[in-house]
Amino acid sequence: MSIPTEASALDKRITAACKAVLSQTDRLESDLGNVKSEWKTDGSRITETDIAISEAILGQLAEAFPEDQGFSEELMTGDPIDVTSRYTWMLDPIDGTNNFAAGLTQCAISLALLEDGEPVYGVIYDVSRRRLMQGGVGRGMWDGPDQVQVRQSRLTRSASVGFHSPRDEGKYPGHGEAIVTQCKVRAIGSSALHLAYVAAGMLDGVVDHNVKLWDIAAAVAMVRAAGGEVRFLANNPTPLRRFDLGMPRIFYVAGATAMCDDLMAVLPGVET
């Protein structure tokens, strides 16, 4: 029996990831706006659909790759868990749960594959467009059947930038005003889609103060595959060594290199 190459090991996981995500799209769409939600202690929402999708996707991946670890905040209980496997799955079963609970379609299933703690491939199902997005370094970025790239743009009044304002009152003062006066701001309620849309060339950049790694890991791999950058300006979570629900919130900018430079230059208190 031949020994699988590293490329084939990764390719098998990519195929399985796409299959697992697509297996849950009917459930996600049928439950949209039709399930009760509860508020967690951190102020975020959860529904029974979050839990069901997490169990289904991570269950499929565990059966196919029992040597891999799989994490979802919806299934996490107890103390933080050390990352000990070469390949790790990180799932956000519904990114944009507030939208989902309200019946708004700007939400997504977001699944990332990490190798040695770094995002190497992402698979995102965009409910609003009923489209599978996927990509990883060396494999390109795909929006459905179309190969796409990051816009090589600068920060101008006509640029479209996804923005998620600071959650903690008084933190990062002036950032909201700085962004609003420099470009067209988009805030759709899904951190994963903000960043994935940068990878697909639909947004020029992103400024986000409030995410944790599971929100954006899949899209981080996509942006890098599509010729862009994700610059962690506070609380860089990679390489991931421990899965911890209490990990600090990430502040980052993303886009083409020039866009990242421009965003950092206009944000008060950010060193360039």
Protein backbone atom coordinates (compact mmCIF):
# COMPACT_ATOMS: atom_id res chain seq x y z
CA MET A 1 0.00 0.00 0.00
CA SER A 2 1.39 3.40 -0.96
CA ILE A 3 1.99 6.05 1.68
CA PRO A 4 -0.19 9.16 1.12
CA THR A 5 1.69 12.34 0.27
CA GLU A 6 1.21 15.47 2.35
CA ALA A 7 -0.66 17.06 -0.55
CA SER A 8 -3.12 14.20 -0.75
CA ALA A 9 -3.69 14.29 3.02
CA LEU A 10 -4.65 17.94 2.78
CA ASP A 11 -6.74 17.45 -0.35
CA LYS A 12 -8.74 14.70 1.34
CA ARG A 13 -9.53 17.05 4.19
CA ILE A 14 -10.58 19.83 1.82
CA THR A 15 -12.97 17.49 0.02
CA ALA A 16 -14.40 16.28 3.32
CA ALA A 17 -14.79 19.85 4.61
CA CYS A 18 -16.81 20.94 1.59
CA LYS A 19 -19.01 17.85 1.83
CA ALA A 20 -19.61 18.36 5.56
CA VAL A 21 -20.57 22.02 5.19
CA LEU A 22 -22.87 21.37 2.22
CA SER A 23 -24.61 18.60 4.16
CA GLN A 24 -25.94 21.23 6.60
CA THR A 25 -27.10 23.98 4.25
CA ASP A 26 -30.70 22.71 3.98
CA ARG A 27 -30.98 22.67 7.77
CA LEU A 28 -29.55 26.18 8.03
CA GLU A 29 -31.90 27.60 5.41
CA SER A 30 -35.03 25.85 6.71
CA ASP A 31 -34.34 26.99 10.30
CA LEU A 32 -33.61 30.60 9.31
CA GLY A 33 -35.79 32.79 11.51
CA ASN A 34 -37.74 29.75 12.75
CA VAL A 35 -35.93 28.70 15.93
CA LYS A 36 -35.74 30.15 19.40
CA SER A 37 -32.50 31.67 20.59
CA GLU A 38 -30.92 32.15 23.98
CA TRP A 39 -28.33 34.62 25.20
CA LYS A 40 -25.00 33.32 26.46
CA THR A 41 -23.04 34.87 29.30
CA ASP A 42 -20.75 36.69 26.85
CA GLY A 43 -23.73 38.49 25.29
CA SER A 44 -23.88 36.42 22.10
CA ARG A 45 -26.79 34.34 20.87
CA ILE A 46 -27.12 30.59 20.45
CA THR A 47 -29.83 28.43 18.90
CA GLU A 48 -30.49 24.70 18.73
CA THR A 49 -29.39 24.92 15.08
CA ASP A 50 -25.90 26.06 16.15
CA ILE A 51 -25.55 22.95 18.29
CA ALA A 52 -27.02 20.57 15.70
CA ILE A 53 -24.76 21.83 12.90
CA SER A 54 -21.70 21.70 15.16
CA GLU A 55 -22.39 18.11 16.15
CA ALA A 56 -23.08 17.04 12.57
CA ILE A 57 -20.05 18.64 10.91
CA LEU A 58 -17.50 17.83 13.59
CA GLY A 59 -18.94 14.33 13.85
CA GLN A 60 -18.42 13.71 10.14
CA LEU A 61 -14.86 15.03 10.29
CA ALA A 62 -14.00 13.02 13.41
CA GLU A 63 -15.19 9.85 11.72
CA ALA A 64 -13.09 10.56 8.62
CA PHE A 65 -10.00 11.87 10.46
CA PRO A 66 -9.96 10.56 14.04
CA GLU A 67 -6.43 11.83 14.53
CA ASP A 68 -7.56 15.46 14.10
CA GLN A 69 -8.97 17.72 16.82
CA GLY A 70 -12.19 19.60 16.19
CA PHE A 71 -13.43 22.69 18.03
CA SER A 72 -16.66 24.68 18.12
CA GLU A 73 -17.52 27.24 20.77
CA GLU A 74 -21.04 25.84 20.88
CA LEU A 75 -19.80 22.43 22.06
CA MET A 76 -17.01 23.64 24.32
CA THR A 77 -17.40 23.13 28.05
CA GLY A 78 -14.94 23.27 30.89
CA ASP A 79 -11.30 24.27 30.77
CA PRO A 80 -9.27 25.32 27.71
CA ILE A 81 -7.92 22.46 25.58
CA ASP A 82 -4.35 22.28 24.28
CA VAL A 83 -3.94 21.82 20.53
CA THR A 84 -1.92 18.64 20.09
CA SER A 85 -2.81 17.44 16.58
CA ARG A 86 -1.14 18.50 13.37
CA TYR A 87 -4.50 19.22 11.71
CA THR A 88 -7.22 21.02 13.65
CA TRP A 89 -10.77 21.91 12.63
CA MET A 90 -12.32 25.15 13.86
CA LEU A 91 -16.04 25.62 13.24
CA ASP A 92 -18.43 28.50 13.62
CA PRO A 93 -21.74 26.78 12.83
CA ILE A 94 -23.61 30.05 12.29
CA ASP A 95 -21.58 33.22 12.00
CA GLY A 96 -24.15 35.98 12.23
CA THR A 97 -26.49 34.29 14.71
CA ASN A 98 -28.31 37.57 15.44
CA ASN A 99 -29.21 37.82 11.76
CA PHE A 100 -30.13 34.13 11.58
CA ALA A 101 -32.45 34.34 14.58
CA ALA A 102 -34.17 37.37 13.07
CA GLY A 103 -34.63 35.69 9.70
CA LEU A 104 -31.97 37.77 7.92
CA THR A 105 -29.86 35.90 5.40
CA GLN A 106 -26.51 37.57 6.11
CA CYS A 107 -25.10 34.57 7.98
CA ALA A 108 -22.81 31.67 7.20
CA ILE A 109 -21.37 28.30 8.15
CA SER A 110 -17.64 28.86 8.58
CA LEU A 111 -15.19 25.93 8.78
CA ALA A 112 -11.42 26.32 8.96
CA LEU A 113 -8.65 23.76 8.70
CA LEU A 114 -5.53 24.64 10.65
CA GLU A 115 -2.14 23.00 10.25
CA ASP A 116 0.25 23.42 13.17
CA GLY A 117 -2.06 26.13 14.48
CA GLU A 118 -2.21 28.22 11.29
CA PRO A 119 -5.32 28.53 9.06
CA VAL A 120 -4.49 26.80 5.77
CA TYR A 121 -7.94 26.34 4.20
CA GLY A 122 -11.39 27.78 4.68
CA VAL A 123 -14.88 26.72 3.60
CA ILE A 124 -17.77 29.15 4.06
CA TYR A 125 -21.38 28.76 2.98
CA ASP A 126 -22.91 32.19 2.34
CA VAL A 127 -26.65 31.87 3.01
CA SER A 128 -27.54 35.21 1.43
CA ARG A 129 -26.14 34.13 -1.95
CA ARG A 130 -26.52 30.36 -1.49
CA ARG A 131 -22.90 30.00 -2.51
CA LEU A 132 -19.96 27.97 -1.23
CA MET A 133 -16.76 29.95 -0.85
CA GLN A 134 -13.45 28.22 -0.30
CA GLY A 135 -9.73 28.78 -0.52
CA GLY A 136 -6.27 28.24 0.88
CA VAL A 137 -2.70 29.27 0.19
CA GLY A 138 -1.41 27.58 -2.93
CA ARG A 139 -4.91 26.53 -3.99
CA GLY A 140 -6.48 29.87 -4.80
CA MET A 141 -9.72 31.46 -3.67
CA TRP A 142 -13.04 30.36 -5.14
CA ASP A 143 -16.44 32.03 -4.94
CA GLY A 144 -18.67 29.22 -6.16
CA PRO A 145 -17.19 28.19 -9.55
CA ASP A 146 -15.30 31.47 -10.00
CA GLN A 147 -11.69 32.02 -9.03
CA VAL A 148 -11.38 35.45 -7.40
CA GLN A 149 -8.79 37.73 -5.84
CA VAL A 150 -8.46 40.57 -3.36
CA ARG A 151 -8.93 44.03 -4.87
CA GLN A 152 -5.62 45.85 -5.08
CA SER A 153 -7.18 49.09 -3.87
CA ARG A 154 -6.41 52.02 -1.59
CA LEU A 155 -8.46 53.71 1.12
CA THR A 156 -10.58 56.30 -0.68
CA ARG A 157 -14.07 57.74 -0.26
CA SER A 158 -15.33 55.21 -2.81
CA ALA A 159 -13.75 52.19 -1.11
CA SER A 160 -16.09 49.77 0.71
CA VAL A 161 -14.79 48.64 4.10
CA GLY A 162 -16.43 46.19 6.50
CA PHE A 163 -16.42 47.55 10.05
CA HIS A 164 -17.17 46.05 13.48
CA SER A 165 -16.90 48.73 16.15
CA PRO A 166 -15.21 48.17 19.53
CA ARG A 167 -17.41 46.30 21.98
CA ASP A 168 -15.85 47.78 25.09
CA GLU A 169 -16.95 51.37 25.62
CA GLY A 170 -14.03 53.76 25.52
CA LYS A 171 -11.63 51.32 23.90
CA TYR A 172 -9.99 52.39 20.62
CA PRO A 173 -11.42 55.94 20.78
CA GLY A 174 -11.94 57.69 17.47
CA HIS A 175 -11.75 54.57 15.32
CA GLY A 176 -15.38 54.68 14.24
CA GLU A 177 -15.20 58.33 13.25
CA ALA A 178 -11.93 57.79 11.40
CA ILE A 179 -13.32 54.97 9.26
CA VAL A 180 -16.69 56.60 8.53
CA THR A 181 -15.01 59.76 7.22
CA GLN A 182 -12.57 57.89 4.96
CA CYS A 183 -14.70 55.36 3.03
CA LYS A 184 -18.06 53.67 2.56
CA VAL A 185 -18.72 51.52 5.63
CA ARG A 186 -20.44 48.14 5.45
CA ALA A 187 -21.66 46.34 8.58
CA ILE A 188 -23.63 43.21 7.67
CA GLY A 189 -23.51 41.38 10.98
CA SER A 190 -21.19 38.53 10.02
CA SER A 191 -17.45 38.80 10.65
CA ALA A 192 -16.78 35.72 8.54
CA LEU A 193 -18.57 37.21 5.53
CA HIS A 194 -16.89 40.60 5.91
CA LEU A 195 -13.50 38.97 5.57
CA ALA A 196 -14.57 36.41 2.95
CA TYR A 197 -15.96 39.24 0.83
CA VAL A 198 -12.52 40.87 0.94
CA ALA A 199 -11.04 37.62 -0.34
CA ALA A 200 -13.64 37.54 -3.12
CA GLY A 201 -13.03 41.15 -4.17
CA MET A 202 -16.48 42.35 -3.06
CA LEU A 203 -15.17 44.55 -0.23
CA ASP A 204 -11.92 46.49 -0.29
CA GLY A 205 -10.98 45.96 3.34
CA VAL A 206 -12.07 45.22 6.91
CA VAL A 207 -11.50 46.75 10.31
CA ASP A 208 -12.71 44.58 13.19
CA HIS A 209 -12.18 44.97 16.91
CA ASN A 210 -14.36 42.22 18.32
CA VAL A 211 -13.74 38.77 16.87
CA LYS A 212 -12.29 35.55 18.15
CA LEU A 213 -10.41 33.11 15.97
CA TRP A 214 -13.36 30.81 15.24
CA ASP A 215 -15.23 33.78 13.70
CA ILE A 216 -12.63 34.42 11.03
CA ALA A 217 -10.17 31.50 10.75
CA ALA A 218 -11.70 30.19 7.51
CA ALA A 219 -11.68 33.62 5.91
CA VAL A 220 -8.11 34.32 7.05
CA ALA A 221 -6.96 31.40 4.89
CA MET A 222 -9.09 32.71 2.02
CA VAL A 223 -7.68 36.24 2.10
CA ARG A 224 -4.14 34.96 2.12
CA ALA A 225 -4.96 32.64 -0.80
CA ALA A 226 -6.44 35.55 -2.74
CA GLY A 227 -3.38 37.80 -2.49
CA GLY A 228 -4.31 39.85 0.55
CA GLU A 229 -3.18 40.32 4.14
CA VAL A 230 -4.74 39.93 7.56
CA ARG A 231 -2.81 42.01 10.07
CA PHE A 232 -3.49 41.25 13.73
CA LEU A 233 -2.96 44.50 15.63
CA ALA A 234 -3.96 43.16 19.06
CA ASN A 235 -4.17 39.64 20.48
CA ASN A 236 -2.77 37.69 17.52
CA PRO A 237 -4.33 34.22 17.98
CA THR A 238 -2.02 32.29 15.66
CA PRO A 239 -0.46 29.86 15.75
CA LEU A 240 -3.27 28.43 17.86
CA ARG A 241 -1.83 26.49 20.81
CA ARG A 242 -4.92 26.31 23.01
CA PHE A 243 -8.64 26.50 22.32
CA ASP A 244 -10.07 28.80 24.95
CA LEU A 245 -13.52 30.40 24.96
CA GLY A 246 -12.04 33.15 27.09
CA MET A 247 -9.36 34.14 24.59
CA PRO A 248 -9.16 37.94 24.19
CA ARG A 249 -10.96 39.62 21.32
CA ILE A 250 -8.88 40.26 18.20
CA PHE A 251 -8.32 43.64 16.57
CA TYR A 252 -7.24 43.36 12.94
CA VAL A 253 -7.28 45.01 9.54
CA ALA A 254 -7.35 43.19 6.21
CA GLY A 255 -7.18 43.83 2.47
CA ALA A 256 -4.46 44.39 -0.07
CA THR A 257 -1.09 45.45 1.34
CA ALA A 258 -1.72 49.10 0.43
CA MET A 259 -5.19 49.00 1.96
CA CYS A 260 -3.83 47.61 5.23
CA ASP A 261 -1.20 50.37 5.28
CA ASP A 262 -3.86 53.03 4.67
CA LEU A 263 -6.23 51.68 7.33
CA MET A 264 -3.50 51.59 9.95
CA ALA A 265 -2.47 55.13 9.04
CA VAL A 266 -5.92 56.64 9.76
CA LEU A 267 -6.76 54.73 12.95
CA PRO A 268 -5.83 56.79 16.03
CA GLY A 269 -3.25 55.21 18.28
CA VAL A 270 -2.23 52.49 15.82
CA GLU A 271 1.48 52.24 15.12
CA THR A 272 2.40 51.87 11.44
